[in-house]
N, C-alpha and C. Protein backbone atom coordinates (compact mmCIF):
# COMPACT_ATOMS: atom_id res chain seq x y z
N UNK A 1 -83.25 -73.60 59.01
CA UNK A 1 -83.12 -73.28 60.43
C UNK A 1 -84.53 -73.13 60.99
N UNK A 2 -84.73 -73.72 62.17
CA UNK A 2 -86.00 -73.59 62.85
C UNK A 2 -85.84 -72.65 64.04
N UNK A 3 -86.81 -71.80 64.20
CA UNK A 3 -86.79 -70.83 65.29
C UNK A 3 -87.69 -71.34 66.41
N UNK A 4 -87.09 -71.50 67.60
CA UNK A 4 -87.75 -72.19 68.69
C UNK A 4 -88.26 -71.29 69.80
N UNK A 5 -87.44 -70.38 70.26
CA UNK A 5 -87.76 -69.60 71.45
C UNK A 5 -87.91 -68.14 71.10
N UNK A 6 -88.87 -67.51 71.72
CA UNK A 6 -89.06 -66.07 71.57
C UNK A 6 -88.82 -65.41 72.92
N UNK A 7 -88.23 -64.22 72.89
CA UNK A 7 -87.96 -63.45 74.10
C UNK A 7 -88.41 -62.01 73.88
N UNK A 8 -89.05 -61.45 74.89
CA UNK A 8 -89.41 -60.04 74.91
C UNK A 8 -88.25 -59.28 75.56
N UNK A 9 -87.76 -58.24 74.90
CA UNK A 9 -86.65 -57.47 75.44
C UNK A 9 -87.21 -56.50 76.49
N UNK A 10 -86.75 -56.69 77.75
CA UNK A 10 -87.24 -55.92 78.89
C UNK A 10 -86.13 -55.01 79.41
N UNK A 11 -86.47 -54.05 80.28
CA UNK A 11 -85.45 -53.11 80.79
C UNK A 11 -84.22 -53.79 81.37
N UNK A 12 -84.35 -54.89 82.06
CA UNK A 12 -83.21 -55.59 82.65
C UNK A 12 -82.29 -56.25 81.64
N UNK A 13 -82.70 -56.31 80.37
CA UNK A 13 -81.91 -56.94 79.31
C UNK A 13 -81.05 -55.93 78.54
N UNK A 14 -81.10 -54.66 78.96
CA UNK A 14 -80.46 -53.59 78.19
C UNK A 14 -79.08 -53.23 78.71
N UNK A 15 -78.25 -52.69 77.82
CA UNK A 15 -76.93 -52.19 78.18
C UNK A 15 -76.99 -50.68 78.41
N UNK A 16 -75.84 -50.05 78.57
CA UNK A 16 -75.79 -48.61 78.83
C UNK A 16 -76.31 -47.77 77.66
N UNK A 17 -76.37 -48.33 76.47
CA UNK A 17 -76.90 -47.64 75.29
C UNK A 17 -78.39 -47.88 75.10
N UNK A 18 -78.99 -48.59 76.06
CA UNK A 18 -80.42 -48.94 76.00
C UNK A 18 -80.76 -49.84 74.82
N UNK A 19 -79.80 -50.69 74.44
CA UNK A 19 -80.06 -51.74 73.46
C UNK A 19 -79.78 -53.07 74.14
N UNK A 20 -80.16 -54.14 73.50
CA UNK A 20 -80.00 -55.48 74.07
C UNK A 20 -78.55 -55.74 74.46
N UNK A 21 -78.33 -56.12 75.70
CA UNK A 21 -77.00 -56.48 76.22
C UNK A 21 -76.58 -57.80 75.60
N UNK A 22 -75.41 -57.82 74.97
CA UNK A 22 -74.92 -59.02 74.30
C UNK A 22 -74.77 -60.20 75.24
N UNK A 23 -74.39 -59.96 76.48
CA UNK A 23 -74.24 -61.04 77.45
C UNK A 23 -75.55 -61.75 77.74
N UNK A 24 -76.64 -60.98 77.82
CA UNK A 24 -77.96 -61.58 78.04
C UNK A 24 -78.33 -62.45 76.84
N UNK A 25 -78.08 -61.94 75.65
CA UNK A 25 -78.41 -62.70 74.44
C UNK A 25 -77.60 -64.00 74.37
N UNK A 26 -76.31 -63.92 74.68
CA UNK A 26 -75.48 -65.13 74.64
C UNK A 26 -75.92 -66.14 75.69
N UNK A 27 -76.37 -65.68 76.85
CA UNK A 27 -76.89 -66.60 77.88
C UNK A 27 -78.13 -67.33 77.35
N UNK A 28 -79.03 -66.61 76.69
CA UNK A 28 -80.24 -67.24 76.14
C UNK A 28 -79.88 -68.25 75.05
N UNK A 29 -78.93 -67.88 74.19
CA UNK A 29 -78.50 -68.79 73.13
C UNK A 29 -77.90 -70.06 73.72
N UNK A 30 -77.02 -69.90 74.70
CA UNK A 30 -76.36 -71.05 75.32
C UNK A 30 -77.38 -71.97 75.97
N UNK A 31 -78.36 -71.40 76.66
CA UNK A 31 -79.39 -72.21 77.29
C UNK A 31 -80.22 -72.96 76.25
N UNK A 32 -80.67 -72.26 75.22
CA UNK A 32 -81.49 -72.87 74.18
C UNK A 32 -80.73 -73.97 73.45
N UNK A 33 -79.48 -73.69 73.09
CA UNK A 33 -78.67 -74.69 72.38
C UNK A 33 -78.38 -75.89 73.28
N UNK A 34 -78.18 -75.64 74.57
CA UNK A 34 -77.96 -76.75 75.51
C UNK A 34 -79.16 -77.66 75.61
N UNK A 35 -80.34 -77.07 75.67
CA UNK A 35 -81.58 -77.88 75.71
C UNK A 35 -81.71 -78.68 74.42
N UNK A 36 -81.43 -78.03 73.31
CA UNK A 36 -81.52 -78.71 72.01
C UNK A 36 -80.53 -79.88 71.95
N UNK A 37 -79.31 -79.66 72.44
CA UNK A 37 -78.31 -80.74 72.47
C UNK A 37 -78.79 -81.90 73.34
N UNK A 38 -79.37 -81.60 74.49
CA UNK A 38 -79.88 -82.65 75.37
C UNK A 38 -80.96 -83.48 74.67
N UNK A 39 -81.85 -82.81 73.94
CA UNK A 39 -82.93 -83.56 73.27
C UNK A 39 -82.40 -84.40 72.12
N UNK A 40 -81.41 -83.90 71.40
CA UNK A 40 -80.85 -84.66 70.27
C UNK A 40 -80.02 -85.86 70.74
N UNK A 41 -79.32 -85.69 71.88
CA UNK A 41 -78.45 -86.77 72.36
C UNK A 41 -79.11 -87.63 73.42
N UNK A 42 -80.33 -87.31 73.80
CA UNK A 42 -81.02 -88.03 74.88
C UNK A 42 -80.15 -88.09 76.13
N UNK A 43 -79.54 -86.96 76.47
CA UNK A 43 -78.64 -86.90 77.62
C UNK A 43 -78.72 -85.52 78.25
N UNK A 44 -78.76 -85.50 79.57
CA UNK A 44 -78.68 -84.22 80.28
C UNK A 44 -77.25 -83.88 80.64
N UNK A 45 -76.32 -84.75 80.29
CA UNK A 45 -74.92 -84.59 80.65
C UNK A 45 -74.12 -83.94 79.52
N UNK A 46 -74.53 -82.75 79.10
CA UNK A 46 -73.83 -82.04 78.04
C UNK A 46 -73.34 -80.69 78.56
N UNK A 47 -72.21 -80.26 78.03
CA UNK A 47 -71.64 -78.97 78.40
C UNK A 47 -71.23 -78.22 77.13
N UNK A 48 -71.26 -76.90 77.22
CA UNK A 48 -70.81 -76.07 76.10
C UNK A 48 -69.29 -76.21 75.99
N UNK A 49 -68.82 -76.54 74.81
CA UNK A 49 -67.39 -76.68 74.55
C UNK A 49 -66.85 -75.47 73.79
N UNK A 50 -67.63 -74.98 72.81
CA UNK A 50 -67.06 -73.99 71.90
C UNK A 50 -68.17 -73.20 71.22
N UNK A 51 -67.94 -71.91 71.06
CA UNK A 51 -68.75 -71.06 70.19
C UNK A 51 -67.79 -70.37 69.24
N UNK A 52 -68.07 -70.48 67.94
CA UNK A 52 -67.21 -69.85 66.95
C UNK A 52 -67.42 -68.34 66.98
N UNK A 53 -66.80 -67.67 66.06
CA UNK A 53 -66.94 -66.22 65.97
C UNK A 53 -68.42 -65.83 66.04
N UNK A 54 -68.67 -64.83 66.84
CA UNK A 54 -70.03 -64.34 67.04
C UNK A 54 -70.17 -63.05 66.26
N UNK A 55 -71.12 -63.01 65.34
CA UNK A 55 -71.30 -61.86 64.48
C UNK A 55 -72.56 -61.10 64.89
N UNK A 56 -72.38 -59.99 65.62
CA UNK A 56 -73.50 -59.12 65.96
C UNK A 56 -73.81 -58.27 64.75
N UNK A 57 -74.93 -58.54 64.11
CA UNK A 57 -75.32 -57.88 62.87
C UNK A 57 -76.10 -56.60 63.14
N UNK A 58 -77.02 -56.67 64.07
CA UNK A 58 -77.83 -55.51 64.45
C UNK A 58 -78.21 -55.67 65.92
N UNK A 59 -78.99 -54.76 66.44
CA UNK A 59 -79.35 -54.84 67.84
C UNK A 59 -80.86 -54.90 67.99
N UNK A 60 -81.28 -54.94 69.23
CA UNK A 60 -82.70 -54.92 69.56
C UNK A 60 -82.87 -53.92 70.70
N UNK A 61 -84.09 -53.41 70.82
CA UNK A 61 -84.34 -52.45 71.88
C UNK A 61 -85.51 -52.92 72.74
N UNK A 62 -85.72 -52.23 73.84
CA UNK A 62 -86.81 -52.59 74.74
C UNK A 62 -88.12 -52.67 73.97
N UNK A 63 -88.87 -53.71 74.22
CA UNK A 63 -90.15 -53.93 73.57
C UNK A 63 -90.07 -54.79 72.33
N UNK A 64 -88.87 -54.98 71.77
CA UNK A 64 -88.72 -55.87 70.61
C UNK A 64 -88.91 -57.31 71.07
N UNK A 65 -89.34 -58.14 70.15
CA UNK A 65 -89.43 -59.58 70.38
C UNK A 65 -88.44 -60.23 69.44
N UNK A 66 -87.59 -61.09 70.00
CA UNK A 66 -86.61 -61.80 69.19
C UNK A 66 -86.92 -63.29 69.21
N UNK A 67 -86.38 -64.00 68.23
CA UNK A 67 -86.51 -65.45 68.20
C UNK A 67 -85.16 -66.06 67.93
N UNK A 68 -84.93 -67.22 68.59
CA UNK A 68 -83.65 -67.92 68.50
C UNK A 68 -83.83 -69.14 67.60
N UNK A 69 -83.01 -69.20 66.55
CA UNK A 69 -83.06 -70.33 65.63
C UNK A 69 -81.80 -71.17 65.72
N UNK A 70 -82.00 -72.48 65.63
CA UNK A 70 -80.88 -73.42 65.67
C UNK A 70 -81.00 -74.40 64.51
N UNK A 71 -79.86 -74.81 64.00
CA UNK A 71 -79.84 -75.82 62.94
C UNK A 71 -78.76 -76.85 63.28
N UNK A 72 -79.14 -78.11 63.26
CA UNK A 72 -78.20 -79.22 63.47
C UNK A 72 -77.21 -79.22 62.31
N UNK A 73 -75.91 -79.35 62.63
CA UNK A 73 -74.89 -79.42 61.59
C UNK A 73 -74.24 -80.79 61.51
N UNK A 74 -73.73 -81.27 62.66
CA UNK A 74 -73.07 -82.57 62.62
C UNK A 74 -72.96 -83.13 64.03
N UNK A 75 -72.65 -84.41 64.06
CA UNK A 75 -72.45 -85.09 65.34
C UNK A 75 -71.11 -85.79 65.29
N UNK A 76 -70.37 -85.71 66.39
CA UNK A 76 -69.11 -86.42 66.53
C UNK A 76 -69.27 -87.55 67.54
N UNK A 77 -68.19 -88.18 67.90
CA UNK A 77 -68.24 -89.31 68.84
C UNK A 77 -68.74 -88.87 70.22
N UNK A 78 -68.30 -87.69 70.67
CA UNK A 78 -68.72 -87.18 71.98
C UNK A 78 -69.44 -85.84 71.87
N UNK A 79 -69.54 -85.30 70.67
CA UNK A 79 -70.03 -83.93 70.50
C UNK A 79 -71.20 -83.82 69.53
N UNK A 80 -71.80 -82.63 69.54
CA UNK A 80 -72.84 -82.27 68.59
C UNK A 80 -72.67 -80.79 68.28
N UNK A 81 -72.90 -80.43 67.01
CA UNK A 81 -72.65 -79.06 66.55
C UNK A 81 -73.90 -78.48 65.92
N UNK A 82 -74.17 -77.20 66.24
CA UNK A 82 -75.30 -76.45 65.69
C UNK A 82 -74.81 -75.12 65.15
N UNK A 83 -75.63 -74.51 64.31
CA UNK A 83 -75.47 -73.10 63.98
C UNK A 83 -76.65 -72.37 64.59
N UNK A 84 -76.51 -71.05 64.73
CA UNK A 84 -77.55 -70.27 65.39
C UNK A 84 -77.74 -68.93 64.68
N UNK A 85 -78.98 -68.51 64.63
CA UNK A 85 -79.31 -67.16 64.18
C UNK A 85 -80.41 -66.63 65.10
N UNK A 86 -80.26 -65.38 65.49
CA UNK A 86 -81.30 -64.71 66.27
C UNK A 86 -81.79 -63.55 65.42
N UNK A 87 -83.11 -63.40 65.36
CA UNK A 87 -83.67 -62.32 64.54
C UNK A 87 -84.85 -61.67 65.25
N UNK A 88 -85.20 -60.49 64.78
CA UNK A 88 -86.37 -59.78 65.26
C UNK A 88 -87.60 -60.48 64.68
N UNK A 89 -88.56 -60.79 65.53
CA UNK A 89 -89.75 -61.53 65.09
C UNK A 89 -90.53 -60.77 64.02
N UNK A 90 -90.66 -59.47 64.20
CA UNK A 90 -91.53 -58.70 63.31
C UNK A 90 -90.85 -58.23 62.04
N UNK A 91 -89.59 -57.80 62.15
CA UNK A 91 -88.89 -57.29 60.96
C UNK A 91 -88.10 -58.37 60.24
N UNK A 92 -87.85 -59.50 60.92
CA UNK A 92 -87.01 -60.61 60.43
C UNK A 92 -85.56 -60.18 60.25
N UNK A 93 -85.16 -59.02 60.78
CA UNK A 93 -83.79 -58.57 60.69
C UNK A 93 -82.91 -59.42 61.61
N UNK A 94 -81.79 -59.90 61.07
CA UNK A 94 -80.85 -60.70 61.84
C UNK A 94 -80.18 -59.84 62.90
N UNK A 95 -80.10 -60.38 64.12
CA UNK A 95 -79.43 -59.70 65.22
C UNK A 95 -78.05 -60.29 65.44
N UNK A 96 -77.95 -61.61 65.40
CA UNK A 96 -76.67 -62.29 65.64
C UNK A 96 -76.64 -63.58 64.84
N UNK A 97 -75.44 -63.97 64.42
CA UNK A 97 -75.21 -65.27 63.78
C UNK A 97 -73.99 -65.92 64.43
N UNK A 98 -74.11 -67.22 64.66
CA UNK A 98 -72.99 -68.01 65.17
C UNK A 98 -72.93 -69.26 64.29
N UNK A 99 -71.79 -69.46 63.64
CA UNK A 99 -71.67 -70.59 62.71
C UNK A 99 -71.60 -71.94 63.40
N UNK A 100 -70.90 -72.00 64.54
CA UNK A 100 -70.72 -73.29 65.22
C UNK A 100 -70.83 -73.15 66.73
N UNK A 101 -71.74 -73.91 67.30
CA UNK A 101 -71.84 -74.07 68.75
C UNK A 101 -71.69 -75.55 69.01
N UNK A 102 -70.68 -75.92 69.79
CA UNK A 102 -70.40 -77.34 70.03
C UNK A 102 -70.66 -77.68 71.49
N UNK A 103 -71.41 -78.75 71.69
CA UNK A 103 -71.64 -79.31 73.02
C UNK A 103 -71.00 -80.68 73.08
N UNK A 104 -70.50 -81.04 74.27
CA UNK A 104 -69.85 -82.32 74.48
C UNK A 104 -70.60 -83.08 75.56
N UNK A 105 -70.81 -84.35 75.32
CA UNK A 105 -71.39 -85.25 76.31
C UNK A 105 -70.28 -85.63 77.29
N UNK A 106 -70.55 -85.53 78.61
CA UNK A 106 -69.52 -85.81 79.61
C UNK A 106 -69.99 -86.85 80.62
N UNK A 107 -69.01 -87.47 81.27
CA UNK A 107 -69.31 -88.44 82.32
C UNK A 107 -69.34 -87.72 83.68
N UNK A 108 -69.43 -88.48 84.75
CA UNK A 108 -69.53 -87.91 86.10
C UNK A 108 -68.27 -87.14 86.51
N UNK A 109 -67.14 -87.42 85.86
CA UNK A 109 -65.89 -86.71 86.14
C UNK A 109 -65.68 -85.54 85.15
N UNK A 110 -66.72 -85.23 84.41
CA UNK A 110 -66.69 -84.16 83.41
C UNK A 110 -65.69 -84.41 82.28
N UNK A 111 -65.46 -85.66 81.97
CA UNK A 111 -64.59 -86.05 80.86
C UNK A 111 -65.48 -86.39 79.66
N UNK A 112 -65.07 -86.01 78.44
CA UNK A 112 -65.85 -86.36 77.26
C UNK A 112 -66.11 -87.86 77.21
N UNK A 113 -67.34 -88.20 76.90
CA UNK A 113 -67.71 -89.62 76.82
C UNK A 113 -68.61 -89.82 75.60
N UNK A 114 -68.46 -90.94 74.91
CA UNK A 114 -69.30 -91.19 73.72
C UNK A 114 -70.78 -91.17 74.07
N UNK A 115 -71.56 -90.60 73.17
CA UNK A 115 -73.01 -90.53 73.37
C UNK A 115 -73.74 -91.61 72.59
N UNK A 116 -73.06 -92.27 71.67
CA UNK A 116 -73.66 -93.37 70.94
C UNK A 116 -74.58 -92.96 69.79
N UNK A 117 -74.61 -91.69 69.45
CA UNK A 117 -75.47 -91.23 68.36
C UNK A 117 -74.66 -91.02 67.09
N UNK A 118 -75.33 -91.15 65.96
CA UNK A 118 -74.76 -90.81 64.66
C UNK A 118 -75.75 -89.91 63.94
N UNK A 119 -75.32 -89.32 62.86
CA UNK A 119 -76.24 -88.48 62.08
C UNK A 119 -77.47 -89.26 61.66
N UNK A 120 -77.28 -90.55 61.41
CA UNK A 120 -78.39 -91.38 60.95
C UNK A 120 -79.37 -91.73 62.07
N UNK A 121 -78.90 -91.82 63.32
CA UNK A 121 -79.83 -92.25 64.36
C UNK A 121 -80.25 -91.16 65.34
N UNK A 122 -79.83 -89.92 65.08
CA UNK A 122 -80.38 -88.83 65.89
C UNK A 122 -81.81 -88.62 65.41
N UNK A 123 -82.72 -88.99 66.28
CA UNK A 123 -84.12 -88.89 65.87
C UNK A 123 -84.59 -87.45 65.95
N UNK A 124 -85.51 -87.10 65.10
CA UNK A 124 -86.06 -85.76 65.09
C UNK A 124 -87.06 -85.63 66.21
N UNK A 125 -86.74 -84.78 67.15
CA UNK A 125 -87.61 -84.55 68.29
C UNK A 125 -88.56 -83.43 67.92
N UNK A 126 -89.81 -83.59 68.25
CA UNK A 126 -90.79 -82.52 68.03
C UNK A 126 -90.53 -81.45 69.07
N UNK A 127 -89.67 -80.52 68.72
CA UNK A 127 -89.18 -79.53 69.66
C UNK A 127 -89.59 -78.15 69.15
N UNK A 128 -90.85 -77.87 69.21
CA UNK A 128 -91.34 -76.56 68.78
C UNK A 128 -92.16 -75.95 69.88
N UNK A 129 -92.21 -74.65 69.83
CA UNK A 129 -92.98 -73.91 70.82
C UNK A 129 -94.08 -73.14 70.16
């Protein structure tokens, strides 16, 4: 798994317990995975289809720095699947794990459409920060 994006946990990212709000974290994951799907499929026409069980392992607090990791799993006729792990940059403690995040390539009517990629021809994009 490669870790691509880092985020500083700020006051606006916190819940009532003063820990990282899960909704903020899921928004960041969805955005990062969407960008990754676009780069792998060479298409900006992708939408989130599915996220498997989300396992919140630990939390983060204000001032922590987290990093979002994604790993390519498989490609379908219209879809692409990743796994995700978010961890604390300094302690390497896992914050969240998601086994499957699926994006679907869509046409102008938002209907699934083939993207023309296979596991063999998805080129490795230099996508590091």
